[in-house]
C-alpha atoms as a PDB file:
ATOM      1  CA  MET A   1       0.031   0.029  -0.009  1.00  0.00           C
ATOM      2  CA  ARG A   2       1.196   3.451  -0.755  1.00  0.00           C
ATOM      3  CA  GLU A   3       0.198   7.082   0.115  1.00  0.00           C
ATOM      4  CA  SER A   4      -1.797   9.181  -2.572  1.00  0.00           C
ATOM      5  CA  VAL A   5      -2.691  12.912  -2.724  1.00  0.00           C
ATOM      6  CA  TYR A   6      -5.920  14.112  -1.121  1.00  0.00           C
ATOM      7  CA  ASP A   7      -6.719  16.897  -3.629  1.00  0.00           C
ATOM      8  CA  ARG A   8      -8.353  19.609  -1.613  1.00  0.00           C
ATOM      9  CA  ASN A   9      -8.771  21.797  -4.593  1.00  0.00           C
ATOM     10  CA  THR A  10     -10.871  19.174  -6.313  1.00  0.00           C
ATOM     11  CA  VAL A  11     -12.857  18.612  -3.036  1.00  0.00           C
ATOM     12  CA  VAL A  12     -13.757  22.236  -2.871  1.00  0.00           C
ATOM     13  CA  ALA A  13     -14.575  22.587  -6.592  1.00  0.00           C
ATOM     14  CA  TYR A  14     -16.882  19.696  -6.359  1.00  0.00           C
ATOM     15  CA  ALA A  15     -18.513  21.113  -3.253  1.00  0.00           C
ATOM     16  CA  ARG A  16     -19.046  24.335  -5.029  1.00  0.00           C
ATOM     17  CA  GLU A  17     -20.531  22.701  -8.059  1.00  0.00           C
ATOM     18  CA  TRP A  18     -23.063  20.367  -6.174  1.00  0.00           C
ATOM     19  CA  ALA A  19     -23.834  22.137  -2.863  1.00  0.00           C
ATOM     20  CA  LEU A  20     -26.909  23.575  -4.277  1.00  0.00           C
ATOM     21  CA  LYS A  21     -28.065  20.882  -6.522  1.00  0.00           C
ATOM     22  CA  ARG A  22     -27.722  17.097  -6.693  1.00  0.00           C
ATOM     23  CA  ASN A  23     -25.372  14.786  -8.714  1.00  0.00           C
ATOM     24  CA  PRO A  24     -27.493  12.385 -10.503  1.00  0.00           C
ATOM     25  CA  ALA A  25     -24.817   9.686 -10.183  1.00  0.00           C
ATOM     26  CA  PHE A  26     -25.864   9.458  -6.563  1.00  0.00           C
ATOM     27  CA  TYR A  27     -29.181   8.986  -4.963  1.00  0.00           C
ATOM     28  CA  ASP A  28     -30.535  11.848  -3.016  1.00  0.00           C
ATOM     29  CA  PHE A  29     -31.241  10.872   0.698  1.00  0.00           C
ATOM     30  CA  GLN A  30     -32.775  14.116   1.488  1.00  0.00           C
ATOM     31  CA  ASN A  31     -36.238  12.485   2.330  1.00  0.00           C
ATOM     32  CA  ILE A  32     -34.843   9.417   4.053  1.00  0.00           C
ATOM     33  CA  GLY A  33     -32.731  10.783   6.704  1.00  0.00           C
ATOM     34  CA  GLY A  34     -30.818  13.662   5.115  1.00  0.00           C
ATOM     35  CA  ASP A  35     -28.165  14.040   2.459  1.00  0.00           C
ATOM     36  CA  CYS A  36     -25.359  15.693   4.304  1.00  0.00           C
ATOM     37  CA  THR A  37     -23.090  12.736   4.782  1.00  0.00           C
ATOM     38  CA  ASN A  38     -23.785  11.381   1.404  1.00  0.00           C
ATOM     39  CA  PHE A  39     -22.711  14.954  -0.051  1.00  0.00           C
ATOM     40  CA  ALA A  40     -19.638  15.067   2.098  1.00  0.00           C
ATOM     41  CA  SER A  41     -18.530  11.522   0.963  1.00  0.00           C
ATOM     42  CA  GLN A  42     -19.047  12.543  -2.680  1.00  0.00           C
ATOM     43  CA  CYS A  43     -16.681  15.515  -1.942  1.00  0.00           C
ATOM     44  CA  ILE A  44     -14.117  13.378  -0.155  1.00  0.00           C
ATOM     45  CA  TYR A  45     -14.313  10.867  -2.941  1.00  0.00           C
ATOM     46  CA  ALA A  46     -13.613  13.491  -5.577  1.00  0.00           C
ATOM     47  CA  GLY A  47     -10.469  14.406  -3.722  1.00  0.00           C
ATOM     48  CA  SER A  48      -9.307  10.894  -2.983  1.00  0.00           C
ATOM     49  CA  LYS A  49     -10.421   9.030  -6.037  1.00  0.00           C
ATOM     50  CA  ILE A  50     -10.639   5.816  -4.223  1.00  0.00           C
ATOM     51  CA  MET A  51     -13.318   3.923  -2.272  1.00  0.00           C
ATOM     52  CA  ASN A  52     -12.882   1.121   0.355  1.00  0.00           C
ATOM     53  CA  TYR A  53     -15.081  -1.981  -0.507  1.00  0.00           C
ATOM     54  CA  THR A  54     -14.568  -3.750   2.749  1.00  0.00           C
ATOM     55  CA  PRO A  55     -17.782  -5.182   3.646  1.00  0.00           C
ATOM     56  CA  VAL A  56     -19.501  -3.715   6.733  1.00  0.00           C
ATOM     57  CA  TYR A  57     -16.689  -1.436   7.713  1.00  0.00           C
ATOM     58  CA  GLY A  58     -15.392   0.122   4.446  1.00  0.00           C
ATOM     59  CA  TRP A  59     -16.555   3.368   2.662  1.00  0.00           C
ATOM     60  CA  TYR A  60     -18.211   2.999  -0.770  1.00  0.00           C
ATOM     61  CA  TYR A  61     -21.117   3.729  -2.923  1.00  0.00           C
ATOM     62  CA  ARG A  62     -22.306   1.684  -5.963  1.00  0.00           C
ATOM     63  CA  SER A  63     -26.210   2.372  -5.540  1.00  0.00           C
ATOM     64  CA  LEU A  64     -28.936   2.973  -3.058  1.00  0.00           C
ATOM     65  CA  SER A  65     -28.850  -0.686  -2.110  1.00  0.00           C
ATOM     66  CA  ASP A  66     -25.149  -1.182  -2.450  1.00  0.00           C
ATOM     67  CA  ARG A  67     -23.472   1.309  -0.296  1.00  0.00           C
ATOM     68  CA  SER A  68     -21.659   1.271   3.089  1.00  0.00           C
ATOM     69  CA  ALA A  69     -23.197   2.826   6.244  1.00  0.00           C
ATOM     70  CA  SER A  70     -20.285   5.103   6.405  1.00  0.00           C
ATOM     71  CA  TRP A  71     -21.060   6.664   3.116  1.00  0.00           C
ATOM     72  CA  THR A  72     -24.386   8.181   4.435  1.00  0.00           C
ATOM     73  CA  GLY A  73     -24.128   7.982   8.309  1.00  0.00           C
ATOM     74  CA  VAL A  74     -22.604  10.654  10.292  1.00  0.00           C
ATOM     75  CA  ALA A  75     -21.308   8.590  13.105  1.00  0.00           C
ATOM     76  CA  TYR A  76     -20.219   5.680  10.560  1.00  0.00           C
ATOM     77  CA  LEU A  77     -18.282   8.253   8.402  1.00  0.00           C
ATOM     78  CA  TYR A  78     -16.440   9.529  11.630  1.00  0.00           C
ATOM     79  CA  ASN A  79     -15.576   5.913  12.665  1.00  0.00           C
ATOM     80  CA  PHE A  80     -14.426   5.117   9.227  1.00  0.00           C
ATOM     81  CA  LEU A  81     -12.133   8.000   8.729  1.00  0.00           C
ATOM     82  CA  ILE A  82     -10.671   7.952  12.173  1.00  0.00           C
ATOM     83  CA  SER A  83     -10.090   4.189  12.346  1.00  0.00           C
ATOM     84  CA  ASN A  84      -9.271   3.338   8.665  1.00  0.00           C
ATOM     85  CA  THR A  85      -5.816   1.533   8.217  1.00  0.00           C
ATOM     86  CA  SER A  86      -6.681   0.107   4.831  1.00  0.00           C
ATOM     87  CA  VAL A  87      -7.267   1.757   1.447  1.00  0.00           C
ATOM     88  CA  GLY A  88      -8.980   5.093   1.053  1.00  0.00           C
ATOM     89  CA  PRO A  89      -8.987   8.438   3.020  1.00  0.00           C
ATOM     90  CA  TYR A  90      -8.295   8.646   6.658  1.00  0.00           C
ATOM     91  CA  ALA A  91      -8.452  11.435   9.121  1.00  0.00           C
ATOM     92  CA  ILE A  92      -7.497  12.813  12.472  1.00  0.00           C
ATOM     93  CA  GLU A  93      -9.406  14.825  14.939  1.00  0.00           C
ATOM     94  CA  VAL A  94      -7.917  18.373  15.300  1.00  0.00           C
ATOM     95  CA  SER A  95      -8.788  21.655  16.782  1.00  0.00           C
ATOM     96  CA  GLN A  96     -11.023  24.393  14.943  1.00  0.00           C
ATOM     97  CA  GLY A  97      -7.919  26.256  14.140  1.00  0.00           C
ATOM     98  CA  GLU A  98      -6.227  23.398  12.280  1.00  0.00           C
ATOM     99  CA  ILE A  99      -9.115  22.685   9.933  1.00  0.00           C
ATOM    100  CA  GLN A 100      -8.376  23.232   6.212  1.00  0.00           C
ATOM    101  CA  PRO A 101     -10.392  23.432   3.024  1.00  0.00           C
ATOM    102  CA  GLY A 102     -11.574  19.887   2.114  1.00  0.00           C
ATOM    103  CA  ASP A 103     -11.900  18.892   5.665  1.00  0.00           C
ATOM    104  CA  ILE A 104     -14.917  17.722   7.518  1.00  0.00           C
ATOM    105  CA  ILE A 105     -16.919  19.212  10.471  1.00  0.00           C
ATOM    106  CA  GLN A 106     -19.686  17.355  12.188  1.00  0.00           C
ATOM    107  CA  LEU A 107     -22.145  19.071  14.502  1.00  0.00           C
ATOM    108  CA  GLY A 108     -23.380  17.552  17.678  1.00  0.00           C
ATOM    109  CA  ARG A 109     -25.983  17.935  20.487  1.00  0.00           C
ATOM    110  CA  ALA A 110     -25.186  18.048  24.156  1.00  0.00           C
ATOM    111  CA  ASN A 111     -25.923  14.318  24.644  1.00  0.00           C
ATOM    112  CA  GLY A 112     -23.003  13.479  22.325  1.00  0.00           C
ATOM    113  CA  ASP A 113     -25.049  12.522  19.377  1.00  0.00           C
ATOM    114  CA  PHE A 114     -23.521  14.106  16.010  1.00  0.00           C
ATOM    115  CA  TYR A 115     -26.218  14.741  13.502  1.00  0.00           C
ATOM    116  CA  HIS A 116     -24.661  16.897  10.690  1.00  0.00           C
ATOM    117  CA  THR A 117     -21.791  16.744   8.296  1.00  0.00           C
ATOM    118  CA  LEU A 118     -20.269  19.888   6.686  1.00  0.00           C
ATOM    119  CA  ILE A 119     -17.331  20.252   4.128  1.00  0.00           C
ATOM    120  CA  VAL A 120     -14.953  23.126   4.765  1.00  0.00           C
ATOM    121  CA  THR A 121     -14.700  25.318   1.532  1.00  0.00           C
ATOM    122  CA  ALA A 122     -12.590  28.024   3.081  1.00  0.00           C
ATOM    123  CA  THR A 123     -10.899  29.073   6.339  1.00  0.00           C
ATOM    124  CA  SER A 124      -9.937  32.628   6.048  1.00  0.00           C
ATOM    125  CA  PRO A 125     -11.100  35.018   7.042  1.00  0.00           C
ATOM    126  CA  GLU A 126     -13.642  32.687   8.634  1.00  0.00           C
ATOM    127  CA  ILE A 127     -14.711  29.068   8.268  1.00  0.00           C
ATOM    128  CA  LEU A 128     -17.120  28.613   5.327  1.00  0.00           C
ATOM    129  CA  ILE A 129     -18.843  25.324   4.633  1.00  0.00           C
ATOM    130  CA  ALA A 130     -20.913  23.478   1.958  1.00  0.00           C
ATOM    131  CA  ALA A 131     -23.600  21.163   2.794  1.00  0.00           C
ATOM    132  CA  HIS A 132     -26.638  19.184   1.834  1.00  0.00           C
ATOM    133  CA  THR A 133     -29.875  18.403   3.741  1.00  0.00           C
ATOM    134  CA  TYR A 134     -29.938  22.355   4.610  1.00  0.00           C
ATOM    135  CA  ASP A 135     -28.166  23.192   1.412  1.00  0.00           C
ATOM    136  CA  ALA A 136     -25.522  25.764   1.738  1.00  0.00           C
ATOM    137  CA  LEU A 137     -22.636  27.162  -0.030  1.00  0.00           C
ATOM    138  CA  ASP A 138     -19.953  29.215   1.647  1.00  0.00           C
ATOM    139  CA  ARG A 139     -22.181  29.553   4.755  1.00  0.00           C
ATOM    140  CA  PRO A 140     -20.044  30.597   7.760  1.00  0.00           C
ATOM    141  CA  LEU A 141     -19.783  28.026  10.445  1.00  0.00           C
ATOM    142  CA  ASN A 142     -20.703  30.526  13.127  1.00  0.00           C
ATOM    143  CA  THR A 143     -24.186  30.949  11.697  1.00  0.00           C
ATOM    144  CA  TYR A 144     -24.923  27.413  12.862  1.00  0.00           C
ATOM    145  CA  ASP A 145     -26.711  26.700  16.105  1.00  0.00           C
ATOM    146  CA  TYR A 146     -24.853  23.605  17.711  1.00  0.00           C
ATOM    147  CA  TYR A 147     -23.714  22.280  21.020  1.00  0.00           C
ATOM    148  CA  THR A 148     -20.356  20.909  19.925  1.00  0.00           C
ATOM    149  CA  ALA A 149     -18.435  20.117  16.773  1.00  0.00           C
ATOM    150  CA  ARG A 150     -15.694  17.865  15.815  1.00  0.00           C
ATOM    151  CA  PHE A 151     -13.197  18.723  13.218  1.00  0.00           C
ATOM    152  CA  LEU A 152     -11.771  16.035  11.027  1.00  0.00           C
ATOM    153  CA  HIS A 153      -8.704  16.582   9.065  1.00  0.00           C
ATOM    154  CA  ILE A 154      -8.290  14.279   5.979  1.00  0.00           C
ATOM    155  CA  ASP A 155      -4.647  13.359   6.858  1.00  0.00           C
ATOM    156  CA  GLY A 156      -4.128  11.312   3.676  1.00  0.00           C
ATOM    157  CA  VAL A 157      -5.256   8.618   1.165  1.00  0.00           C
ATOM    158  CA  ARG A 158      -4.070   4.971   0.850  1.00  0.00           C
ATOM    159  CA  VAL A 159      -4.021   3.110  -2.269  1.00  0.00           C
ATOM    160  CA  TRP A 160      -2.841  -0.386  -3.306  1.00  0.00           C
END
């Protein structure tokens, strides 16, 4: 296995292109739980160019009925990115000040339940995001109402 580049510019370009509309290559989960993590996964995939087809614990999308839980589930995406030691993207949790364009932010409640996944499109002069479910493009993070947030820096991509 070797390291590959995570192309942050491609992630941000994809986010900007699809934030306010839907890519027909992917199912729109808007009416069955929300589309935010599906959109974030699409963005990450645009920048990593590889999926992890490991049954149950991987990160992939072939169709509505053939996808991993991590492609569309907030907690599952977090678990995949933080624990992935195989092919595909992997992440580390960082402070808000260490976040970069192309990284992920997940918003949470006081009870520890994380419910929304955002893509970072810019960090200066403030953090701007793109998202689905509550569609947004270059929305300031500080306009969201949330109890806690976790900041996931995509640290790299592994390929065969």
